[in-house]
PDB file of all heavy atoms in Angstrom:
ATOM      1  N   GLY A   1     242.750 -18.569 247.191  1.00  0.00           N
ATOM      2  CA  GLY A   1     243.373 -18.194 245.931  1.00  0.00           C
ATOM      3  C   GLY A   1     242.769 -18.906 244.743  1.00  0.00           C
ATOM      4  O   GLY A   1     242.605 -18.346 243.666  1.00  0.00           O
ATOM      5  N   VAL A   2     242.444 -20.203 244.910  1.00  0.00           N
ATOM      6  CA  VAL A   2     241.828 -20.985 243.829  1.00  0.00           C
ATOM      7  C   VAL A   2     240.448 -20.379 243.517  1.00  0.00           C
ATOM      8  O   VAL A   2     240.077 -20.220 242.351  1.00  0.00           O
ATOM      9  CB  VAL A   2     241.703 -22.475 244.222  1.00  0.00           C
ATOM     10  CG1 VAL A   2     240.892 -23.238 243.182  1.00  0.00           C
ATOM     11  CG2 VAL A   2     243.111 -23.106 244.330  1.00  0.00           C
ATOM     12  N   ALA A   3     239.680 -20.063 244.562  1.00  0.00           N
ATOM     13  CA  ALA A   3     238.347 -19.476 244.347  1.00  0.00           C
ATOM     14  C   ALA A   3     238.462 -18.159 243.569  1.00  0.00           C
ATOM     15  O   ALA A   3     237.688 -17.920 242.635  1.00  0.00           O
ATOM     16  CB  ALA A   3     237.652 -19.258 245.696  1.00  0.00           C
ATOM     17  N   LYS A   4     239.419 -17.355 243.955  1.00  0.00           N
ATOM     18  CA  LYS A   4     239.577 -16.058 243.275  1.00  0.00           C
ATOM     19  C   LYS A   4     240.006 -16.273 241.818  1.00  0.00           C
ATOM     20  O   LYS A   4     239.565 -15.544 240.918  1.00  0.00           O
ATOM     21  CB  LYS A   4     240.620 -15.215 244.002  1.00  0.00           C
ATOM     22  CG  LYS A   4     240.763 -13.798 243.453  1.00  0.00           C
ATOM     23  CD  LYS A   4     241.645 -12.918 244.345  1.00  0.00           C
ATOM     24  CE  LYS A   4     241.718 -11.507 243.799  1.00  0.00           C
ATOM     25  NZ  LYS A   4     242.548 -10.612 244.651  1.00  0.00           N
ATOM     26  N   ARG A   5     240.887 -17.248 241.591  1.00  0.00           N
ATOM     27  CA  ARG A   5     241.359 -17.527 240.230  1.00  0.00           C
ATOM     28  C   ARG A   5     240.162 -17.873 239.302  1.00  0.00           C
ATOM     29  O   ARG A   5     240.169 -17.551 238.138  1.00  0.00           O
ATOM     30  CB  ARG A   5     242.349 -18.684 240.297  1.00  0.00           C
ATOM     31  CG  ARG A   5     243.136 -18.962 238.999  1.00  0.00           C
ATOM     32  CD  ARG A   5     244.241 -17.980 238.744  1.00  0.00           C
ATOM     33  NE  ARG A   5     245.287 -17.962 239.765  1.00  0.00           N
ATOM     34  CZ  ARG A   5     246.371 -18.749 239.771  1.00  0.00           C
ATOM     35  NH1 ARG A   5     246.525 -19.674 238.841  1.00  0.00           N
ATOM     36  NH2 ARG A   5     247.304 -18.611 240.708  1.00  0.00           N
ATOM     37  N   PHE A   6     239.169 -18.584 239.856  1.00  0.00           N
ATOM     38  CA  PHE A   6     238.012 -18.996 239.057  1.00  0.00           C
ATOM     39  C   PHE A   6     236.859 -18.015 239.137  1.00  0.00           C
ATOM     40  O   PHE A   6     235.806 -18.244 238.517  1.00  0.00           O
ATOM     41  CB  PHE A   6     237.556 -20.395 239.498  1.00  0.00           C
ATOM     42  CG  PHE A   6     238.423 -21.500 238.982  1.00  0.00           C
ATOM     43  CD1 PHE A   6     239.475 -21.988 239.732  1.00  0.00           C
ATOM     44  CD2 PHE A   6     238.196 -22.046 237.728  1.00  0.00           C
ATOM     45  CE1 PHE A   6     240.305 -23.000 239.258  1.00  0.00           C
ATOM     46  CE2 PHE A   6     239.005 -23.053 237.239  1.00  0.00           C
ATOM     47  CZ  PHE A   6     240.048 -23.536 237.998  1.00  0.00           C
ATOM     48  N   GLY A   7     237.027 -16.980 239.955  1.00  0.00           N
ATOM     49  CA  GLY A   7     235.944 -15.999 240.042  1.00  0.00           C
ATOM     50  C   GLY A   7     234.704 -16.488 240.736  1.00  0.00           C
ATOM     51  O   GLY A   7     233.582 -16.096 240.414  1.00  0.00           O
ATOM     52  N   VAL A   8     234.878 -17.386 241.739  1.00  0.00           N
ATOM     53  CA  VAL A   8     233.765 -17.887 242.509  1.00  0.00           C
ATOM     54  C   VAL A   8     234.003 -17.603 243.999  1.00  0.00           C
ATOM     55  O   VAL A   8     235.157 -17.356 244.409  1.00  0.00           O
ATOM     56  CB  VAL A   8     233.540 -19.418 242.300  1.00  0.00           C
ATOM     57  CG1 VAL A   8     233.304 -19.695 240.834  1.00  0.00           C
ATOM     58  CG2 VAL A   8     234.768 -20.202 242.796  1.00  0.00           C
ATOM     59  N   GLY A   9     232.968 -17.676 244.800  1.00  0.00           N
ATOM     60  CA  GLY A   9     233.120 -17.487 246.243  1.00  0.00           C
ATOM     61  C   GLY A   9     233.783 -18.695 246.864  1.00  0.00           C
ATOM     62  O   GLY A   9     233.531 -19.831 246.436  1.00  0.00           O
ATOM     63  N   GLU A  10     234.625 -18.479 247.874  1.00  0.00           N
ATOM     64  CA  GLU A  10     235.285 -19.585 248.506  1.00  0.00           C
ATOM     65  C   GLU A  10     234.271 -20.549 249.146  1.00  0.00           C
ATOM     66  O   GLU A  10     234.445 -21.801 249.059  1.00  0.00           O
ATOM     67  CB  GLU A  10     236.275 -19.109 249.588  1.00  0.00           C
ATOM     68  CG  GLU A  10     237.069 -20.236 250.216  1.00  0.00           C
ATOM     69  CD  GLU A  10     237.917 -19.807 251.382  1.00  0.00           C
ATOM     70  OE1 GLU A  10     238.140 -18.590 251.571  1.00  0.00           O
ATOM     71  OE2 GLU A  10     238.368 -20.691 252.146  1.00  0.00           O
ATOM     72  N   GLY A  11     233.235 -20.032 249.714  1.00  0.00           N
ATOM     73  CA  GLY A  11     232.204 -20.899 250.308  1.00  0.00           C
ATOM     74  C   GLY A  11     231.544 -21.756 249.277  1.00  0.00           C
ATOM     75  O   GLY A  11     231.316 -22.961 249.488  1.00  0.00           O
ATOM     76  N   ASP A  12     231.238 -21.179 248.110  1.00  0.00           N
ATOM     77  CA  ASP A  12     230.626 -21.954 247.013  1.00  0.00           C
ATOM     78  C   ASP A  12     231.567 -23.028 246.525  1.00  0.00           C
ATOM     79  O   ASP A  12     231.133 -24.179 246.245  1.00  0.00           O
ATOM     80  CB  ASP A  12     230.226 -21.031 245.883  1.00  0.00           C
ATOM     81  CG  ASP A  12     229.073 -20.112 246.226  1.00  0.00           C
ATOM     82  OD1 ASP A  12     228.317 -20.466 247.149  1.00  0.00           O
ATOM     83  OD2 ASP A  12     228.899 -19.071 245.549  1.00  0.00           O
ATOM     84  N   LEU A  13     232.854 -22.684 246.410  1.00  0.00           N
ATOM     85  CA  LEU A  13     233.844 -23.675 245.969  1.00  0.00           C
ATOM     86  C   LEU A  13     233.939 -24.836 246.956  1.00  0.00           C
ATOM     87  O   LEU A  13     233.914 -26.009 246.558  1.00  0.00           O
ATOM     88  CB  LEU A  13     235.203 -22.999 245.831  1.00  0.00           C
ATOM     89  CG  LEU A  13     236.377 -23.925 245.456  1.00  0.00           C
ATOM     90  CD1 LEU A  13     236.175 -24.558 244.098  1.00  0.00           C
ATOM     91  CD2 LEU A  13     237.724 -23.185 245.527  1.00  0.00           C
ATOM     92  N   ARG A  14     234.011 -24.512 248.238  1.00  0.00           N
ATOM     93  CA  ARG A  14     234.098 -25.570 249.263  1.00  0.00           C
ATOM     94  C   ARG A  14     232.867 -26.495 249.228  1.00  0.00           C
ATOM     95  O   ARG A  14     233.011 -27.725 249.264  1.00  0.00           O
ATOM     96  CB  ARG A  14     234.234 -24.909 250.642  1.00  0.00           C
ATOM     97  CG  ARG A  14     235.591 -24.359 250.954  1.00  0.00           C
ATOM     98  CD  ARG A  14     235.585 -23.583 252.267  1.00  0.00           C
ATOM     99  NE  ARG A  14     236.911 -23.126 252.675  1.00  0.00           N
ATOM    100  CZ  ARG A  14     237.711 -23.787 253.517  1.00  0.00           C
ATOM    101  NH1 ARG A  14     237.316 -24.952 254.008  1.00  0.00           N
ATOM    102  NH2 ARG A  14     238.882 -23.312 253.836  1.00  0.00           N
ATOM    103  N   HIS A  15     231.674 -25.900 249.168  1.00  0.00           N
ATOM    104  CA  HIS A  15     230.482 -26.713 249.152  1.00  0.00           C
ATOM    105  C   HIS A  15     230.402 -27.608 247.913  1.00  0.00           C
ATOM    106  O   HIS A  15     230.004 -28.779 248.015  1.00  0.00           O
ATOM    107  CB  HIS A  15     229.230 -25.822 249.240  1.00  0.00           C
ATOM    108  CG  HIS A  15     228.882 -25.399 250.632  1.00  0.00           C
ATOM    109  ND1 HIS A  15     229.495 -24.329 251.246  1.00  0.00           N
ATOM    110  CD2 HIS A  15     228.031 -25.928 251.536  1.00  0.00           C
ATOM    111  CE1 HIS A  15     228.979 -24.178 252.477  1.00  0.00           C
ATOM    112  NE2 HIS A  15     228.100 -25.143 252.682  1.00  0.00           N
ATOM    113  N   THR A  16     230.782 -27.053 246.757  1.00  0.00           N
ATOM    114  CA  THR A  16     230.730 -27.822 245.534  1.00  0.00           C
ATOM    115  C   THR A  16     231.735 -28.953 245.535  1.00  0.00           C
ATOM    116  O   THR A  16     231.435 -30.086 245.121  1.00  0.00           O
ATOM    117  CB  THR A  16     230.919 -26.919 244.310  1.00  0.00           C
ATOM    118  OG1 THR A  16     229.991 -25.841 244.342  1.00  0.00           O
ATOM    119  CG2 THR A  16     230.735 -27.705 243.031  1.00  0.00           C
ATOM    120  N   LEU A  17     232.941 -28.684 246.015  1.00  0.00           N
ATOM    121  CA  LEU A  17     233.967 -29.754 246.115  1.00  0.00           C
ATOM    122  C   LEU A  17     233.459 -30.848 247.050  1.00  0.00           C
ATOM    123  O   LEU A  17     233.651 -32.043 246.783  1.00  0.00           O
ATOM    124  CB  LEU A  17     235.277 -29.181 246.649  1.00  0.00           C
ATOM    125  CG  LEU A  17     236.091 -28.295 245.686  1.00  0.00           C
ATOM    126  CD1 LEU A  17     237.256 -27.627 246.422  1.00  0.00           C
ATOM    127  CD2 LEU A  17     236.634 -29.155 244.524  1.00  0.00           C
ATOM    128  N   PHE A  18     232.836 -30.488 248.147  1.00  0.00           N
ATOM    129  CA  PHE A  18     232.312 -31.459 249.104  1.00  0.00           C
ATOM    130  C   PHE A  18     231.202 -32.307 248.444  1.00  0.00           C
ATOM    131  O   PHE A  18     231.200 -33.546 248.507  1.00  0.00           O
ATOM    132  CB  PHE A  18     231.748 -30.740 250.338  1.00  0.00           C
ATOM    133  CG  PHE A  18     230.947 -31.602 251.258  1.00  0.00           C
ATOM    134  CD1 PHE A  18     231.541 -32.601 251.983  1.00  0.00           C
ATOM    135  CD2 PHE A  18     229.587 -31.396 251.373  1.00  0.00           C
ATOM    136  CE1 PHE A  18     230.792 -33.407 252.846  1.00  0.00           C
ATOM    137  CE2 PHE A  18     228.827 -32.196 252.219  1.00  0.00           C
ATOM    138  CZ  PHE A  18     229.428 -33.194 252.957  1.00  0.00           C
ATOM    139  N   GLU A  19     230.244 -31.637 247.797  1.00  0.00           N
ATOM    140  CA  GLU A  19     229.092 -32.350 247.244  1.00  0.00           C
ATOM    141  C   GLU A  19     229.469 -33.228 246.049  1.00  0.00           C
ATOM    142  O   GLU A  19     229.044 -34.360 245.951  1.00  0.00           O
ATOM    143  CB  GLU A  19     228.031 -31.332 246.835  1.00  0.00           C
ATOM    144  CG  GLU A  19     227.395 -30.629 248.025  1.00  0.00           C
ATOM    145  CD  GLU A  19     226.484 -29.479 247.590  1.00  0.00           C
ATOM    146  OE1 GLU A  19     226.495 -29.124 246.407  1.00  0.00           O
ATOM    147  OE2 GLU A  19     225.775 -28.931 248.453  1.00  0.00           O
ATOM    148  N   GLU A  20     230.335 -32.707 245.155  1.00  0.00           N
ATOM    149  CA  GLU A  20     230.644 -33.418 243.939  1.00  0.00           C
ATOM    150  C   GLU A  20     231.656 -34.517 244.128  1.00  0.00           C
ATOM    151  O   GLU A  20     231.957 -35.261 243.196  1.00  0.00           O
ATOM    152  CB  GLU A  20     231.117 -32.442 242.845  1.00  0.00           C
ATOM    153  CG  GLU A  20     230.029 -31.473 242.391  1.00  0.00           C
ATOM    154  CD  GLU A  20     228.845 -32.157 241.769  1.00  0.00           C
ATOM    155  OE1 GLU A  20     229.042 -33.163 241.039  1.00  0.00           O
ATOM    156  OE2 GLU A  20     227.690 -31.725 242.001  1.00  0.00           O
ATOM    157  N   THR A  21     232.219 -34.663 245.305  1.00  0.00           N
ATOM    158  CA  THR A  21     233.069 -35.819 245.634  1.00  0.00           C
ATOM    159  C   THR A  21     232.344 -36.782 246.547  1.00  0.00           C
ATOM    160  O   THR A  21     232.936 -37.638 247.214  1.00  0.00           O
ATOM    161  CB  THR A  21     234.379 -35.370 246.324  1.00  0.00           C
ATOM    162  OG1 THR A  21     234.077 -34.582 247.473  1.00  0.00           O
ATOM    163  CG2 THR A  21     235.239 -34.552 245.356  1.00  0.00           C
ATOM    164  N   GLY A  22     230.998 -36.690 246.559  1.00  0.00           N
ATOM    165  CA  GLY A  22     230.205 -37.605 247.361  1.00  0.00           C
ATOM    166  C   GLY A  22     230.385 -37.440 248.861  1.00  0.00           C
ATOM    167  O   GLY A  22     230.218 -38.374 249.637  1.00  0.00           O
ATOM    168  N   GLY A  23     230.735 -36.221 249.282  1.00  0.00           N
ATOM    169  CA  GLY A  23     230.914 -35.965 250.717  1.00  0.00           C
ATOM    170  C   GLY A  23     232.188 -36.526 251.286  1.00  0.00           C
ATOM    171  O   GLY A  23     232.299 -36.769 252.501  1.00  0.00           O
ATOM    172  N   MET A  24     233.210 -36.710 250.431  1.00  0.00           N
ATOM    173  CA  MET A  24     234.474 -37.316 250.890  1.00  0.00           C
ATOM    174  C   MET A  24     235.183 -36.442 251.932  1.00  0.00           C
ATOM    175  O   MET A  24     235.901 -36.964 252.802  1.00  0.00           O
ATOM    176  CB  MET A  24     235.409 -37.566 249.710  1.00  0.00           C
ATOM    177  CG  MET A  24     235.032 -38.731 248.832  1.00  0.00           C
ATOM    178  SD  MET A  24     236.149 -38.881 247.407  1.00  0.00           S
ATOM    179  CE  MET A  24     237.706 -39.248 248.220  1.00  0.00           C
ATOM    180  N   TYR A  25     235.067 -35.152 251.789  1.00  0.00           N
ATOM    181  CA  TYR A  25     235.857 -34.247 252.632  1.00  0.00           C
ATOM    182  C   TYR A  25     234.924 -33.271 253.386  1.00  0.00           C
ATOM    183  O   TYR A  25     234.807 -32.102 252.989  1.00  0.00           O
ATOM    184  CB  TYR A  25     236.855 -33.464 251.776  1.00  0.00           C
ATOM    185  CG  TYR A  25     237.846 -34.356 251.074  1.00  0.00           C
ATOM    186  CD1 TYR A  25     237.620 -34.738 249.748  1.00  0.00           C
ATOM    187  CD2 TYR A  25     238.964 -34.864 251.725  1.00  0.00           C
ATOM    188  CE1 TYR A  25     238.538 -35.553 249.091  1.00  0.00           C
ATOM    189  CE2 TYR A  25     239.852 -35.705 251.089  1.00  0.00           C
ATOM    190  CZ  TYR A  25     239.627 -36.047 249.774  1.00  0.00           C
ATOM    191  OH  TYR A  25     240.524 -36.889 249.118  1.00  0.00           O
ATOM    192  N   PRO A  26     234.287 -33.712 254.487  1.00  0.00           N
ATOM    193  CA  PRO A  26     233.400 -32.809 255.204  1.00  0.00           C
ATOM    194  C   PRO A  26     234.093 -31.586 255.799  1.00  0.00           C
ATOM    195  O   PRO A  26     233.452 -30.541 255.979  1.00  0.00           O
ATOM    196  CB  PRO A  26     232.822 -33.705 256.312  1.00  0.00           C
ATOM    197  CG  PRO A  26     233.776 -34.841 256.428  1.00  0.00           C
ATOM    198  CD  PRO A  26     234.316 -35.061 255.069  1.00  0.00           C
ATOM    199  N   GLU A  27     235.408 -31.684 256.002  1.00  0.00           N
ATOM    200  CA  GLU A  27     236.140 -30.539 256.560  1.00  0.00           C
ATOM    201  C   GLU A  27     236.181 -29.356 255.587  1.00  0.00           C
ATOM    202  O   GLU A  27     236.443 -28.233 256.007  1.00  0.00           O
ATOM    203  CB  GLU A  27     237.545 -30.953 256.968  1.00  0.00           C
ATOM    204  CG  GLU A  27     237.568 -31.873 258.186  1.00  0.00           C
ATOM    205  CD  GLU A  27     238.945 -32.395 258.488  1.00  0.00           C
ATOM    206  OE1 GLU A  27     239.700 -32.660 257.560  1.00  0.00           O
ATOM    207  OE2 GLU A  27     239.249 -32.578 259.689  1.00  0.00           O
ATOM    208  N   LEU A  28     235.906 -29.595 254.329  1.00  0.00           N
ATOM    209  CA  LEU A  28     235.772 -28.478 253.408  1.00  0.00           C
ATOM    210  C   LEU A  28     234.656 -27.540 253.868  1.00  0.00           C
ATOM    211  O   LEU A  28     234.714 -26.314 253.646  1.00  0.00           O
ATOM    212  CB  LEU A  28     235.464 -28.985 251.971  1.00  0.00           C
ATOM    213  CG  LEU A  28     236.613 -29.606 251.214  1.00  0.00           C
ATOM    214  CD1 LEU A  28     236.115 -30.350 249.984  1.00  0.00           C
ATOM    215  CD2 LEU A  28     237.615 -28.520 250.793  1.00  0.00           C
ATOM    216  N   VAL A  29     233.659 -28.123 254.511  1.00  0.00           N
ATOM    217  CA  VAL A  29     232.514 -27.347 255.006  1.00  0.00           C
ATOM    218  C   VAL A  29     232.642 -26.943 256.474  1.00  0.00           C
ATOM    219  O   VAL A  29     232.327 -25.851 256.868  1.00  0.00           O
ATOM    220  CB  VAL A  29     231.202 -28.138 254.761  1.00  0.00           C
ATOM    221  CG1 VAL A  29     229.984 -27.358 255.291  1.00  0.00           C
ATOM    222  CG2 VAL A  29     231.006 -28.458 253.308  1.00  0.00           C
ATOM    223  N   THR A  30     233.193 -27.885 257.282  1.00  0.00           N
ATOM    224  CA  THR A  30     233.212 -27.646 258.732  1.00  0.00           C
ATOM    225  C   THR A  30     234.458 -26.897 259.207  1.00  0.00           C
ATOM    226  O   THR A  30     234.446 -26.347 260.309  1.00  0.00           O
ATOM    227  CB  THR A  30     233.134 -28.975 259.499  1.00  0.00           C
ATOM    228  OG1 THR A  30     234.318 -29.755 259.251  1.00  0.00           O
ATOM    229  CG2 THR A  30     231.905 -29.770 259.084  1.00  0.00           C
ATOM    230  N   ARG A  31     235.510 -26.865 258.371  1.00  0.00           N
ATOM    231  CA  ARG A  31     236.779 -26.257 258.823  1.00  0.00           C
ATOM    232  C   ARG A  31     237.159 -25.118 257.944  1.00  0.00           C
ATOM    233  O   ARG A  31     238.108 -25.188 257.152  1.00  0.00           O
ATOM    234  CB  ARG A  31     237.884 -27.326 258.878  1.00  0.00           C
ATOM    235  CG  ARG A  31     237.692 -28.472 259.846  1.00  0.00           C
ATOM    236  CD  ARG A  31     237.650 -27.969 261.291  1.00  0.00           C
ATOM    237  NE  ARG A  31     238.888 -27.263 261.665  1.00  0.00           N
ATOM    238  CZ  ARG A  31     239.960 -27.888 262.158  1.00  0.00           C
ATOM    239  NH1 ARG A  31     239.934 -29.204 262.335  1.00  0.00           N
ATOM    240  NH2 ARG A  31     241.033 -27.209 262.486  1.00  0.00           N
ATOM    241  N   GLY A  32     236.437 -24.028 258.051  1.00  0.00           N
ATOM    242  CA  GLY A  32     236.793 -22.818 257.325  1.00  0.00           C
ATOM    243  C   GLY A  32     238.141 -22.252 257.696  1.00  0.00           C
ATOM    244  O   GLY A  32     238.719 -21.441 256.967  1.00  0.00           O
ATOM    245  N   ASP A  33     238.661 -22.677 258.859  1.00  0.00           N
ATOM    246  CA  ASP A  33     239.960 -22.222 259.301  1.00  0.00           C
ATOM    247  C   ASP A  33     241.108 -22.938 258.567  1.00  0.00           C
ATOM    248  O   ASP A  33     242.259 -22.455 258.594  1.00  0.00           O
ATOM    249  CB  ASP A  33     240.137 -22.406 260.804  1.00  0.00           C
ATOM    250  CG  ASP A  33     239.999 -23.859 261.231  1.00  0.00           C
ATOM    251  OD1 ASP A  33     239.063 -24.551 260.723  1.00  0.00           O
ATOM    252  OD2 ASP A  33     240.827 -24.355 262.041  1.00  0.00           O
ATOM    253  N   LEU A  34     240.819 -24.058 257.934  1.00  0.00           N
ATOM    254  CA  LEU A  34     241.821 -24.766 257.142  1.00  0.00           C
ATOM    255  C   LEU A  34     241.715 -24.314 255.715  1.00  0.00           C
ATOM    256  O   LEU A  34     240.733 -24.623 255.030  1.00  0.00           O
ATOM    257  CB  LEU A  34     241.619 -26.292 257.261  1.00  0.00           C
ATOM    258  CG  LEU A  34     241.689 -26.887 258.681  1.00  0.00           C
ATOM    259  CD1 LEU A  34     241.541 -28.414 258.617  1.00  0.00           C
ATOM    260  CD2 LEU A  34     242.986 -26.508 259.378  1.00  0.00           C
ATOM    261  N   GLU A  35     242.721 -23.596 255.227  1.00  0.00           N
ATOM    262  CA  GLU A  35     242.642 -22.951 253.945  1.00  0.00           C
ATOM    263  C   GLU A  35     243.342 -23.725 252.820  1.00  0.00           C
ATOM    264  O   GLU A  35     243.254 -23.335 251.626  1.00  0.00           O
ATOM    265  CB  GLU A  35     243.211 -21.542 253.994  1.00  0.00           C
ATOM    266  CG  GLU A  35     242.420 -20.598 254.909  1.00  0.00           C
ATOM    267  CD  GLU A  35     242.941 -19.197 254.876  1.00  0.00           C
ATOM    268  OE1 GLU A  35     244.184 -19.030 254.864  1.00  0.00           O
ATOM    269  OE2 GLU A  35     242.131 -18.253 254.910  1.00  0.00           O
ATOM    270  N   VAL A  36     244.030 -24.810 253.139  1.00  0.00           N
ATOM    271  CA  VAL A  36     244.770 -25.567 252.143  1.00  0.00           C
ATOM    272  C   VAL A  36     244.138 -26.953 251.999  1.00  0.00           C
ATOM    273  O   VAL A  36     243.840 -27.621 252.983  1.00  0.00           O
ATOM    274  CB  VAL A  36     246.269 -25.703 252.509  1.00  0.00           C
ATOM    275  CG1 VAL A  36     246.995 -26.566 251.478  1.00  0.00           C
ATOM    276  CG2 VAL A  36     246.910 -24.318 252.553  1.00  0.00           C
ATOM    277  N   PHE A  37     243.963 -27.397 250.754  1.00  0.00           N
ATOM    278  CA  PHE A  37     243.345 -28.681 250.427  1.00  0.00           C
ATOM    279  C   PHE A  37     244.271 -29.432 249.484  1.00  0.00           C
ATOM    280  O   PHE A  37     244.748 -28.905 248.491  1.00  0.00           O
ATOM    281  CB  PHE A  37     242.002 -28.405 249.727  1.00  0.00           C
ATOM    282  CG  PHE A  37     241.297 -29.625 249.206  1.00  0.00           C
ATOM    283  CD1 PHE A  37     241.172 -30.787 249.963  1.00  0.00           C
ATOM    284  CD2 PHE A  37     240.658 -29.589 247.960  1.00  0.00           C
ATOM    285  CE1 PHE A  37     240.510 -31.905 249.477  1.00  0.00           C
ATOM    286  CE2 PHE A  37     239.963 -30.679 247.486  1.00  0.00           C
ATOM    287  CZ  PHE A  37     239.892 -31.843 248.241  1.00  0.00           C
ATOM    288  N   LEU A  38     244.589 -30.703 249.874  1.00  0.00           N
ATOM    289  CA  LEU A  38     245.343 -31.577 249.011  1.00  0.00           C
ATOM    290  C   LEU A  38     244.332 -32.455 248.268  1.00  0.00           C
ATOM    291  O   LEU A  38     243.837 -33.431 248.814  1.00  0.00           O
ATOM    292  CB  LEU A  38     246.310 -32.461 249.815  1.00  0.00           C
ATOM    293  CG  LEU A  38     247.301 -31.724 250.734  1.00  0.00           C
ATOM    294  CD1 LEU A  38     248.328 -32.726 251.283  1.00  0.00           C
ATOM    295  CD2 LEU A  38     247.997 -30.582 250.021  1.00  0.00           C
ATOM    296  N   PRO A  39     243.980 -32.118 247.042  1.00  0.00           N
ATOM    297  CA  PRO A  39     242.906 -32.799 246.335  1.00  0.00           C
ATOM    298  C   PRO A  39     243.326 -34.199 245.871  1.00  0.00           C
ATOM    299  O   PRO A  39     244.497 -34.445 245.614  1.00  0.00           O
ATOM    300  CB  PRO A  39     242.609 -31.876 245.144  1.00  0.00           C
ATOM    301  CG  PRO A  39     243.925 -31.220 244.880  1.00  0.00           C
ATOM    302  CD  PRO A  39     244.579 -31.030 246.223  1.00  0.00           C
ATOM    303  N   PRO A  40     242.349 -35.116 245.730  1.00  0.00           N
ATOM    304  CA  PRO A  40     242.633 -36.478 245.305  1.00  0.00           C
ATOM    305  C   PRO A  40     242.759 -36.598 243.798  1.00  0.00           C
ATOM    306  O   PRO A  40     242.035 -37.382 243.145  1.00  0.00           O
ATOM    307  CB  PRO A  40     241.428 -37.265 245.838  1.00  0.00           C
ATOM    308  CG  PRO A  40     240.294 -36.270 245.752  1.00  0.00           C
ATOM    309  CD  PRO A  40     240.895 -34.932 246.050  1.00  0.00           C
ATOM    310  N   ILE A  41     243.653 -35.836 243.208  1.00  0.00           N
ATOM    311  CA  ILE A  41     243.837 -35.840 241.762  1.00  0.00           C
ATOM    312  C   ILE A  41     245.317 -36.035 241.459  1.00  0.00           C
ATOM    313  O   ILE A  41     246.168 -35.944 242.329  1.00  0.00           O
ATOM    314  CB  ILE A  41     243.364 -34.504 241.123  1.00  0.00           C
ATOM    315  CG1 ILE A  41     244.171 -33.315 241.700  1.00  0.00           C
ATOM    316  CG2 ILE A  41     241.875 -34.316 241.335  1.00  0.00           C
ATOM    317  CD1 ILE A  41     243.831 -31.983 241.058  1.00  0.00           C
ATOM    318  N   GLY A  42     245.593 -36.311 240.188  1.00  0.00           N
ATOM    319  CA  GLY A  42     246.996 -36.450 239.768  1.00  0.00           C
ATOM    320  C   GLY A  42     247.703 -35.129 239.805  1.00  0.00           C
ATOM    321  O   GLY A  42     247.091 -34.064 239.661  1.00  0.00           O
ATOM    322  N   GLY A  43     249.014 -35.180 239.965  1.00  0.00           N
ATOM    323  CA  GLY A  43     249.819 -33.974 239.990  1.00  0.00           C
ATOM    324  C   GLY A  43     250.451 -33.690 238.638  1.00  0.00           C
ATOM    325  O   GLY A  43     249.779 -33.760 237.587  1.00  0.00           O
ATOM    326  N   GLN A  44     251.721 -33.399 238.654  1.00  0.00           N
ATOM    327  CA  GLN A  44     252.424 -33.082 237.405  1.00  0.00           C
ATOM    328  C   GLN A  44     253.879 -33.424 237.563  1.00  0.00           C
ATOM    329  O   GLN A  44     254.415 -33.539 238.671  1.00  0.00           O
ATOM    330  CB  GLN A  44     252.270 -31.591 237.074  1.00  0.00           C
ATOM    331  CG  GLN A  44     252.790 -30.671 238.182  1.00  0.00           C
ATOM    332  CD  GLN A  44     252.430 -29.229 237.979  1.00  0.00           C
ATOM    333  OE1 GLN A  44     253.043 -28.571 237.172  1.00  0.00           O
ATOM    334  NE2 GLN A  44     251.429 -28.748 238.722  1.00  0.00           N
ATOM    335  N   THR A  45     254.548 -33.614 236.446  1.00  0.00           N
ATOM    336  CA  THR A  45     255.993 -33.836 236.421  1.00  0.00           C
ATOM    337  C   THR A  45     256.591 -32.832 235.430  1.00  0.00           C
ATOM    338  O   THR A  45     256.048 -32.645 234.330  1.00  0.00           O
ATOM    339  CB  THR A  45     256.327 -35.274 235.950  1.00  0.00           C
ATOM    340  OG1 THR A  45     255.584 -36.190 236.745  1.00  0.00           O
ATOM    341  CG2 THR A  45     257.807 -35.541 236.138  1.00  0.00           C
ATOM    342  N   ILE A  46     257.667 -32.214 235.801  1.00  0.00           N
ATOM    343  CA  ILE A  46     258.345 -31.293 234.894  1.00  0.00           C
ATOM    344  C   ILE A  46     259.717 -31.854 234.560  1.00  0.00           C
ATOM    345  O   ILE A  46     260.398 -32.425 235.412  1.00  0.00           O
ATOM    346  CB  ILE A  46     258.451 -29.854 235.440  1.00  0.00           C
ATOM    347  CG1 ILE A  46     259.219 -29.845 236.794  1.00  0.00           C
ATOM    348  CG2 ILE A  46     257.075 -29.249 235.600  1.00  0.00           C
ATOM    349  CD1 ILE A  46     259.482 -28.432 237.281  1.00  0.00           C
TER     350      ILE A  46
END
């Protein structure tokens, strides 16, 4: 859904997230069956 929201391919999104975080999350590339990612960023408060 995130990939579609940004108009990019899911594979491209996964590879870029993996590369631009210094390889922190190899499962972005090796685990295409895992579709949910908890990113290491701040959240929000409402």
